[in-house]
Protein backbone atom coordinates (compact mmCIF):
# COMPACT_ATOMS: atom_id res chain seq x y z
CA UNK A 1 100.49 116.61 123.83
CA UNK A 2 101.04 117.82 120.43
CA UNK A 3 97.95 117.95 117.69
CA UNK A 4 98.26 116.61 114.22
CA UNK A 5 98.75 113.17 112.54
CA UNK A 6 100.45 110.10 114.36
CA UNK A 7 103.19 109.16 112.58
CA UNK A 8 104.08 105.48 113.09
CA UNK A 9 107.75 104.55 113.57
CA UNK A 10 109.34 101.60 111.58
CA UNK A 11 109.38 98.14 112.45
CA UNK A 12 112.92 97.60 111.91
CA UNK A 13 115.92 99.55 110.29
CA UNK A 14 118.83 97.70 108.15
CA UNK A 15 122.05 99.84 106.90
CA UNK A 16 123.69 98.64 103.94
CA UNK A 17 127.03 100.19 102.12
CA UNK A 18 126.58 100.68 98.57
CA UNK A 19 128.93 98.74 96.23
CA UNK A 20 130.53 100.01 92.68
CA UNK A 21 129.04 97.44 91.08
CA UNK A 22 125.55 98.07 92.58
CA UNK A 23 125.93 101.46 91.41
CA UNK A 24 126.56 101.05 88.10
CA UNK A 25 123.96 97.98 87.99
CA UNK A 26 121.18 99.50 89.99
CA UNK A 27 121.01 97.23 92.51
CA UNK A 28 121.77 97.02 96.56
CA UNK A 29 122.77 93.94 97.85
CA UNK A 30 120.30 93.02 100.45
CA UNK A 31 121.57 90.38 102.52
CA UNK A 32 121.18 88.71 104.70
CA UNK A 33 117.83 87.11 103.55
CA UNK A 34 116.47 86.24 107.10
CA UNK A 35 113.05 87.90 108.68
CA UNK A 36 113.38 91.54 107.91
CA UNK A 37 112.18 90.48 104.18
CA UNK A 38 109.35 88.29 104.42
CA UNK A 39 110.06 84.79 102.87
CA UNK A 40 106.32 84.87 101.25
CA UNK A 41 108.15 87.98 98.61
CA UNK A 42 111.65 85.93 97.56
CA UNK A 43 111.65 84.48 94.68
CA UNK A 44 113.87 81.10 93.78
CA UNK A 45 117.21 81.72 91.80
CA UNK A 46 114.92 81.98 88.38
CA UNK A 47 111.06 82.19 89.44
CA UNK A 48 109.54 85.05 90.66
CA UNK A 49 107.33 85.35 93.94
CA UNK A 50 104.00 85.18 93.75
CA UNK A 51 103.57 88.47 95.62
CA UNK A 52 105.43 91.82 96.03
CA UNK A 53 106.94 94.37 98.24
CA UNK A 54 106.05 98.02 97.76
CA UNK A 55 109.26 99.58 97.85
CA UNK A 56 110.01 103.96 98.41
CA UNK A 57 113.35 104.76 96.94
CA UNK A 58 113.40 108.36 98.67
CA UNK A 59 113.37 110.94 96.13
CA UNK A 60 113.32 108.51 92.94
CA UNK A 61 109.91 106.61 93.42
CA UNK A 62 107.59 103.67 94.31
CA UNK A 63 107.95 100.50 92.81
CA UNK A 64 106.71 97.23 93.05
CA UNK A 65 109.04 94.00 93.87
CA UNK A 66 110.02 90.86 95.11
CA UNK A 67 113.39 89.39 95.90
CA UNK A 68 115.68 87.50 93.77
CA UNK A 69 116.74 84.62 95.96
CA UNK A 70 119.86 83.77 93.86
CA UNK A 71 121.77 87.12 93.90
CA UNK A 72 120.11 88.79 97.17
CA UNK A 73 118.93 91.75 95.54
CA UNK A 74 115.38 93.52 94.70
CA UNK A 75 114.51 92.36 91.54
CA UNK A 76 113.51 94.61 87.92
CA UNK A 77 114.45 97.85 90.16
CA UNK A 78 117.57 98.91 88.64
CA UNK A 79 116.10 102.33 86.93
CA UNK A 80 114.65 103.11 90.41
CA UNK A 81 118.32 102.34 92.70
CA UNK A 82 120.34 104.33 89.74
CA UNK A 83 117.78 107.50 90.29
CA UNK A 84 118.03 107.15 93.27
CA UNK A 85 121.97 106.76 94.18
CA UNK A 86 121.57 110.62 91.19
CA UNK A 87 119.32 111.90 93.30
CA UNK A 88 121.52 111.57 96.16
CA UNK A 89 124.97 111.64 95.00
CA UNK A 90 125.43 108.60 96.80
CA UNK A 91 128.99 107.02 96.03
CA UNK A 92 130.46 103.38 97.10
CA UNK A 93 130.91 102.77 100.52
CA UNK A 94 127.81 105.30 101.47
CA UNK A 95 125.60 103.87 103.33
CA UNK A 96 121.86 103.77 102.70
CA UNK A 97 118.61 103.07 105.07
CA UNK A 98 116.12 100.15 104.33
CA UNK A 99 113.48 100.94 106.23
CA UNK A 100 110.50 98.42 106.95
CA UNK A 101 107.31 100.43 107.53
CA UNK A 102 104.60 97.66 107.67
CA UNK A 103 105.14 94.07 106.73
CA UNK A 104 105.06 94.63 102.82
CA UNK A 105 106.39 97.88 102.74
CA UNK A 106 109.84 99.77 103.02
CA UNK A 107 111.36 102.97 102.25
CA UNK A 108 115.48 102.82 101.26
CA UNK A 109 117.12 106.68 102.14
CA UNK A 110 120.46 107.72 102.55
CA UNK A 111 122.06 106.68 105.44
């Protein structure tokens, strides 16, 4: 038996490949929009969701966001995505992991 705090295991994990356009424009395609992403945190084509997710970009920062139903991306975190990509020297084709830590909390880290 070990001493120290217990660290919860992720609820779910998904790997996604970065695209050239995503890196240039600061977005991550998060398709498919399935039960990995809470439906109540998804916006419509133009309308934002009423509630947000908390997403931590490892090595960059945390941000509150919802999901764009039209583009299948995290909305309004372009700056954080660009900082994350630069901090880890990621390139098109590299894998990243999106870890679901809790119902509305995620961590994005290099794959």
